[in-house]
C-alpha atoms as a PDB file:
ATOM      1  CA  MET A   1       6.979 -34.461  52.240  1.00  0.00           C
ATOM      2  CA  GLY A   2       7.114 -32.652  48.900  1.00  0.00           C
ATOM      3  CA  THR A   3       9.299 -33.561  46.016  1.00  0.00           C
ATOM      4  CA  PRO A   4      12.272 -31.374  45.070  1.00  0.00           C
ATOM      5  CA  SER A   5      10.566 -30.394  41.815  1.00  0.00           C
ATOM      6  CA  ALA A   6       7.572 -29.073  43.787  1.00  0.00           C
ATOM      7  CA  ALA A   7       9.901 -26.620  45.558  1.00  0.00           C
ATOM      8  CA  ILE A   8      11.380 -25.497  42.249  1.00  0.00           C
ATOM      9  CA  ASP A   9       8.015 -24.677  40.652  1.00  0.00           C
ATOM     10  CA  PRO A  10       7.313 -21.590  42.836  1.00  0.00           C
ATOM     11  CA  GLN A  11      10.869 -20.371  42.158  1.00  0.00           C
ATOM     12  CA  ASN A  12      10.391 -20.829  38.423  1.00  0.00           C
ATOM     13  CA  GLU A  13       7.107 -18.938  38.639  1.00  0.00           C
ATOM     14  CA  LEU A  14       8.814 -16.036  40.462  1.00  0.00           C
ATOM     15  CA  VAL A  15      11.570 -15.891  37.839  1.00  0.00           C
ATOM     16  CA  ALA A  16       9.051 -16.030  34.980  1.00  0.00           C
ATOM     17  CA  ALA A  17       6.980 -13.253  36.552  1.00  0.00           C
ATOM     18  CA  SER A  18      10.110 -11.152  37.044  1.00  0.00           C
ATOM     19  CA  ARG A  19      11.156 -11.595  33.406  1.00  0.00           C
ATOM     20  CA  GLU A  20       7.684 -10.642  32.209  1.00  0.00           C
ATOM     21  CA  ARG A  21       7.581  -7.579  34.477  1.00  0.00           C
ATOM     22  CA  ALA A  22      11.005  -6.356  33.272  1.00  0.00           C
ATOM     23  CA  VAL A  23       9.833  -6.053  29.664  1.00  0.00           C
ATOM     24  CA  SER A  24       6.287  -4.818  30.255  1.00  0.00           C
ATOM     25  CA  SER A  25       5.003  -1.269  30.385  1.00  0.00           C
ATOM     26  CA  LEU A  26       4.747   0.337  33.784  1.00  0.00           C
ATOM     27  CA  SER A  27       1.335   0.570  35.399  1.00  0.00           C
ATOM     28  CA  PRO A  28       0.196   4.040  36.492  1.00  0.00           C
ATOM     29  CA  ARG A  29       1.104   3.193  40.091  1.00  0.00           C
ATOM     30  CA  GLU A  30       4.570   1.948  39.042  1.00  0.00           C
ATOM     31  CA  ARG A  31       5.104   5.080  36.933  1.00  0.00           C
ATOM     32  CA  LEU A  32       4.296   7.190  39.985  1.00  0.00           C
ATOM     33  CA  THR A  33       6.520   5.337  42.449  1.00  0.00           C
ATOM     34  CA  HIS A  34       9.447   4.829  40.063  1.00  0.00           C
ATOM     35  CA  GLY A  35       9.049   8.376  38.748  1.00  0.00           C
ATOM     36  CA  LEU A  36       9.168   9.850  42.251  1.00  0.00           C
ATOM     37  CA  THR A  37      12.170   7.704  43.161  1.00  0.00           C
ATOM     38  CA  ALA A  38      13.989   8.768  39.990  1.00  0.00           C
ATOM     39  CA  ALA A  39      13.126  12.456  40.496  1.00  0.00           C
ATOM     40  CA  LEU A  40      14.252  12.456  44.129  1.00  0.00           C
ATOM     41  CA  PHE A  41      17.409  10.614  43.093  1.00  0.00           C
ATOM     42  CA  VAL A  42      18.211  13.211  40.417  1.00  0.00           C
ATOM     43  CA  VAL A  43      17.805  16.049  42.936  1.00  0.00           C
ATOM     44  CA  ALA A  44      19.974  14.310  45.542  1.00  0.00           C
ATOM     45  CA  ALA A  45      22.625  13.222  43.021  1.00  0.00           C
ATOM     46  CA  ALA A  46      22.807  16.716  41.519  1.00  0.00           C
ATOM     47  CA  GLY A  47      23.275  18.164  45.008  1.00  0.00           C
ATOM     48  CA  LEU A  48      26.089  15.738  45.795  1.00  0.00           C
ATOM     49  CA  ALA A  49      27.761  16.310  42.423  1.00  0.00           C
ATOM     50  CA  ALA A  50      27.543  20.095  42.634  1.00  0.00           C
ATOM     51  CA  GLY A  51      29.365  20.059  45.949  1.00  0.00           C
ATOM     52  CA  ASP A  52      32.174  17.787  44.774  1.00  0.00           C
ATOM     53  CA  LEU A  53      33.450  18.845  41.357  1.00  0.00           C
ATOM     54  CA  PRO A  54      36.401  16.937  39.885  1.00  0.00           C
ATOM     55  CA  GLN A  55      39.617  18.931  39.904  1.00  0.00           C
ATOM     56  CA  SER A  56      41.320  17.367  36.875  1.00  0.00           C
ATOM     57  CA  GLU A  57      40.654  16.184  33.361  1.00  0.00           C
ATOM     58  CA  ALA A  58      41.789  12.728  34.422  1.00  0.00           C
ATOM     59  CA  ALA A  59      38.818  12.519  36.801  1.00  0.00           C
ATOM     60  CA  TRP A  60      36.437  13.181  33.900  1.00  0.00           C
ATOM     61  CA  LEU A  61      38.072  10.479  31.787  1.00  0.00           C
ATOM     62  CA  LEU A  62      37.974   8.052  34.690  1.00  0.00           C
ATOM     63  CA  ALA A  63      34.294   8.866  35.202  1.00  0.00           C
ATOM     64  CA  LEU A  64      33.597   7.964  31.565  1.00  0.00           C
ATOM     65  CA  LEU A  65      35.472   4.685  32.022  1.00  0.00           C
ATOM     66  CA  PHE A  66      33.351   3.896  35.084  1.00  0.00           C
ATOM     67  CA  VAL A  67      30.139   4.763  33.191  1.00  0.00           C
ATOM     68  CA  ALA A  68      31.109   2.176  30.570  1.00  0.00           C
ATOM     69  CA  THR A  69      32.051  -0.348  33.255  1.00  0.00           C
ATOM     70  CA  VAL A  70      28.724   0.061  35.057  1.00  0.00           C
ATOM     71  CA  ALA A  71      26.907  -0.218  31.723  1.00  0.00           C
ATOM     72  CA  LEU A  72      28.642  -3.517  30.986  1.00  0.00           C
ATOM     73  CA  ALA A  73      28.127  -4.831  34.527  1.00  0.00           C
ATOM     74  CA  SER A  74      24.431  -3.934  34.416  1.00  0.00           C
ATOM     75  CA  ARG A  75      23.973  -6.192  31.396  1.00  0.00           C
ATOM     76  CA  ILE A  76      24.707  -9.171  33.664  1.00  0.00           C
ATOM     77  CA  GLU A  77      21.573 -10.066  35.582  1.00  0.00           C
ATOM     78  CA  LEU A  78      21.529 -12.864  38.139  1.00  0.00           C
ATOM     79  CA  GLU A  79      17.963 -13.968  38.762  1.00  0.00           C
ATOM     80  CA  VAL A  80      17.094 -14.045  42.452  1.00  0.00           C
ATOM     81  CA  GLY A  81      13.555 -14.900  43.479  1.00  0.00           C
ATOM     82  CA  SER A  82      11.193 -12.295  42.054  1.00  0.00           C
ATOM     83  CA  GLY A  83      13.977  -9.943  40.973  1.00  0.00           C
ATOM     84  CA  PHE A  84      17.584  -9.875  39.934  1.00  0.00           C
ATOM     85  CA  ALA A  85      20.997  -8.905  41.194  1.00  0.00           C
ATOM     86  CA  SER A  86      23.768  -7.339  39.186  1.00  0.00           C
ATOM     87  CA  PRO A  87      27.529  -7.099  39.787  1.00  0.00           C
ATOM     88  CA  GLU A  88      27.615  -3.279  39.820  1.00  0.00           C
ATOM     89  CA  GLU A  89      28.612  -3.461  43.488  1.00  0.00           C
ATOM     90  CA  LEU A  90      31.979  -4.758  42.351  1.00  0.00           C
ATOM     91  CA  VAL A  91      32.456  -1.454  40.533  1.00  0.00           C
ATOM     92  CA  LEU A  92      30.934   0.820  43.195  1.00  0.00           C
ATOM     93  CA  ILE A  93      33.579   0.510  45.911  1.00  0.00           C
ATOM     94  CA  PRO A  94      36.575   1.151  43.618  1.00  0.00           C
ATOM     95  CA  MET A  95      34.632   4.047  42.104  1.00  0.00           C
ATOM     96  CA  LEU A  96      34.159   5.630  45.537  1.00  0.00           C
ATOM     97  CA  PHE A  97      37.931   5.606  46.031  1.00  0.00           C
ATOM     98  CA  ALA A  98      38.848   6.714  42.497  1.00  0.00           C
ATOM     99  CA  LEU A  99      36.297   9.449  41.734  1.00  0.00           C
ATOM    100  CA  PRO A 100      35.001  12.429  43.651  1.00  0.00           C
ATOM    101  CA  ALA A 101      32.388  10.683  45.813  1.00  0.00           C
ATOM    102  CA  GLY A 102      29.684  13.206  44.960  1.00  0.00           C
ATOM    103  CA  TRP A 103      29.844  12.162  41.321  1.00  0.00           C
ATOM    104  CA  VAL A 104      29.435   8.429  41.914  1.00  0.00           C
ATOM    105  CA  PRO A 105      25.585   8.327  42.003  1.00  0.00           C
ATOM    106  CA  ALA A 106      25.323  10.232  38.711  1.00  0.00           C
ATOM    107  CA  VAL A 107      27.974   8.026  37.095  1.00  0.00           C
ATOM    108  CA  VAL A 108      26.136   4.881  38.206  1.00  0.00           C
ATOM    109  CA  ALA A 109      22.770   6.191  36.974  1.00  0.00           C
ATOM    110  CA  LEU A 110      24.222   7.078  33.595  1.00  0.00           C
ATOM    111  CA  GLY A 111      25.868   3.661  33.382  1.00  0.00           C
ATOM    112  CA  LEU A 112      22.626   1.873  34.259  1.00  0.00           C
ATOM    113  CA  VAL A 113      20.690   3.773  31.593  1.00  0.00           C
ATOM    114  CA  LEU A 114      23.387   3.206  28.962  1.00  0.00           C
ATOM    115  CA  GLY A 115      23.551  -0.472  29.897  1.00  0.00           C
ATOM    116  CA  GLN A 116      19.885  -0.863  29.042  1.00  0.00           C
ATOM    117  CA  LEU A 117      20.115   1.251  25.884  1.00  0.00           C
ATOM    118  CA  PRO A 118      20.352  -1.769  23.522  1.00  0.00           C
ATOM    119  CA  SER A 119      17.122  -3.171  24.995  1.00  0.00           C
ATOM    120  CA  TYR A 120      15.375   0.203  24.586  1.00  0.00           C
ATOM    121  CA  LEU A 121      16.587   0.647  20.996  1.00  0.00           C
ATOM    122  CA  ARG A 122      15.529  -2.886  19.986  1.00  0.00           C
ATOM    123  CA  GLY A 123      12.107  -2.284  21.511  1.00  0.00           C
ATOM    124  CA  ARG A 124      12.465  -5.232  23.895  1.00  0.00           C
ATOM    125  CA  VAL A 125      12.013  -2.943  26.913  1.00  0.00           C
ATOM    126  CA  PRO A 126       9.674   0.087  26.918  1.00  0.00           C
ATOM    127  CA  THR A 127      11.606   3.372  27.117  1.00  0.00           C
ATOM    128  CA  GLN A 128       9.462   4.444  30.067  1.00  0.00           C
ATOM    129  CA  ARG A 129      11.533   1.966  32.103  1.00  0.00           C
ATOM    130  CA  ILE A 130      14.444   4.420  31.983  1.00  0.00           C
ATOM    131  CA  ILE A 131      13.038   5.826  35.231  1.00  0.00           C
ATOM    132  CA  VAL A 132      13.484   2.391  36.805  1.00  0.00           C
ATOM    133  CA  SER A 133      17.172   2.373  35.827  1.00  0.00           C
ATOM    134  CA  ILE A 134      17.658   5.861  37.244  1.00  0.00           C
ATOM    135  CA  GLY A 135      15.864   4.950  40.453  1.00  0.00           C
ATOM    136  CA  ASN A 136      17.976   1.799  40.809  1.00  0.00           C
ATOM    137  CA  ALA A 137      21.021   4.047  41.245  1.00  0.00           C
ATOM    138  CA  SER A 138      19.505   5.478  44.444  1.00  0.00           C
ATOM    139  CA  SER A 139      21.279   2.769  46.420  1.00  0.00           C
ATOM    140  CA  THR A 140      24.534   4.655  45.753  1.00  0.00           C
ATOM    141  CA  LEU A 141      23.474   7.848  47.544  1.00  0.00           C
ATOM    142  CA  ALA A 142      24.228   6.700  51.104  1.00  0.00           C
ATOM    143  CA  PRO A 143      27.703   5.265  50.414  1.00  0.00           C
ATOM    144  CA  ALA A 144      28.610   8.348  48.367  1.00  0.00           C
ATOM    145  CA  LEU A 145      27.570  10.558  51.267  1.00  0.00           C
ATOM    146  CA  VAL A 146      29.663   8.474  53.680  1.00  0.00           C
ATOM    147  CA  PHE A 147      32.708   8.872  51.431  1.00  0.00           C
ATOM    148  CA  LEU A 148      32.016  12.555  50.861  1.00  0.00           C
ATOM    149  CA  LEU A 149      31.988  13.157  54.606  1.00  0.00           C
ATOM    150  CA  PHE A 150      34.666  10.773  55.858  1.00  0.00           C
ATOM    151  CA  TYR A 151      37.092   9.745  53.102  1.00  0.00           C
ATOM    152  CA  ASP A 152      40.681  10.796  53.783  1.00  0.00           C
ATOM    153  CA  PRO A 153      43.070  10.016  50.916  1.00  0.00           C
ATOM    154  CA  SER A 154      46.011  10.114  53.336  1.00  0.00           C
ATOM    155  CA  ALA A 155      44.517   7.473  55.636  1.00  0.00           C
ATOM    156  CA  GLY A 156      45.813   3.930  55.678  1.00  0.00           C
ATOM    157  CA  PRO A 157      44.316   0.605  54.594  1.00  0.00           C
ATOM    158  CA  VAL A 158      42.738  -0.087  57.999  1.00  0.00           C
ATOM    159  CA  GLU A 159      40.840   3.212  57.953  1.00  0.00           C
ATOM    160  CA  TRP A 160      39.835   2.634  54.330  1.00  0.00           C
ATOM    161  CA  ALA A 161      38.544  -0.846  55.182  1.00  0.00           C
ATOM    162  CA  ALA A 162      36.498   0.589  58.048  1.00  0.00           C
ATOM    163  CA  LEU A 163      35.152   3.338  55.793  1.00  0.00           C
ATOM    164  CA  THR A 164      34.220   0.757  53.154  1.00  0.00           C
ATOM    165  CA  ALA A 165      32.352  -1.299  55.767  1.00  0.00           C
ATOM    166  CA  VAL A 166      30.457   1.784  56.952  1.00  0.00           C
ATOM    167  CA  ALA A 167      29.635   2.728  53.343  1.00  0.00           C
ATOM    168  CA  VAL A 168      28.314  -0.759  52.546  1.00  0.00           C
ATOM    169  CA  CYS A 169      26.210  -0.739  55.735  1.00  0.00           C
ATOM    170  CA  ALA A 170      24.886   2.710  54.792  1.00  0.00           C
ATOM    171  CA  GLN A 171      24.046   1.371  51.342  1.00  0.00           C
ATOM    172  CA  LEU A 172      22.095  -1.569  52.762  1.00  0.00           C
ATOM    173  CA  ILE A 173      20.210   0.649  55.199  1.00  0.00           C
ATOM    174  CA  GLY A 174      19.521   3.281  52.561  1.00  0.00           C
ATOM    175  CA  ASP A 175      18.409   0.712  50.016  1.00  0.00           C
ATOM    176  CA  GLY A 176      16.127  -0.901  52.589  1.00  0.00           C
ATOM    177  CA  ALA A 177      14.620   2.479  53.482  1.00  0.00           C
ATOM    178  CA  ILE A 178      13.983   3.320  49.820  1.00  0.00           C
ATOM    179  CA  SER A 179      12.369  -0.084  49.234  1.00  0.00           C
ATOM    180  CA  ILE A 180       9.776   0.351  51.962  1.00  0.00           C
END
């Protein structure tokens, strides 16, 4: 039977490798895969946004507030195995209800890039990693599409809860499909 510290060593190694990877330059293969993900995301997000323009100035101001909120949330990184998790999900669901759903992926992407801006400016993270931040917003495409198709502002809390559950499931499925 191994000691508890023996089980911790592989976890520490995964965390250390993740930290090193997050501040290193992208390999040619990583540039290709992250670049393609970011490019496809930009096309999809632009398509969603173009079909769902905000109708008021208040929506634009709210979008800017959510960009700042996502930027702040993205600065919090919870190390999990060989990667990290971030509390942006706590912002995503309210954003889907408050903003035109088609704008949510673009708002999240902008927030993720702005959240990493201090690291880029200080030189701690190579600027080429901006494509990673943009690609990380791709998990918002499926829930935004669900809300774009099915959200009814006049519905009640039960319908909104069901829609939220469907959107979260769509996000998990979409994120899993993108990660393959």
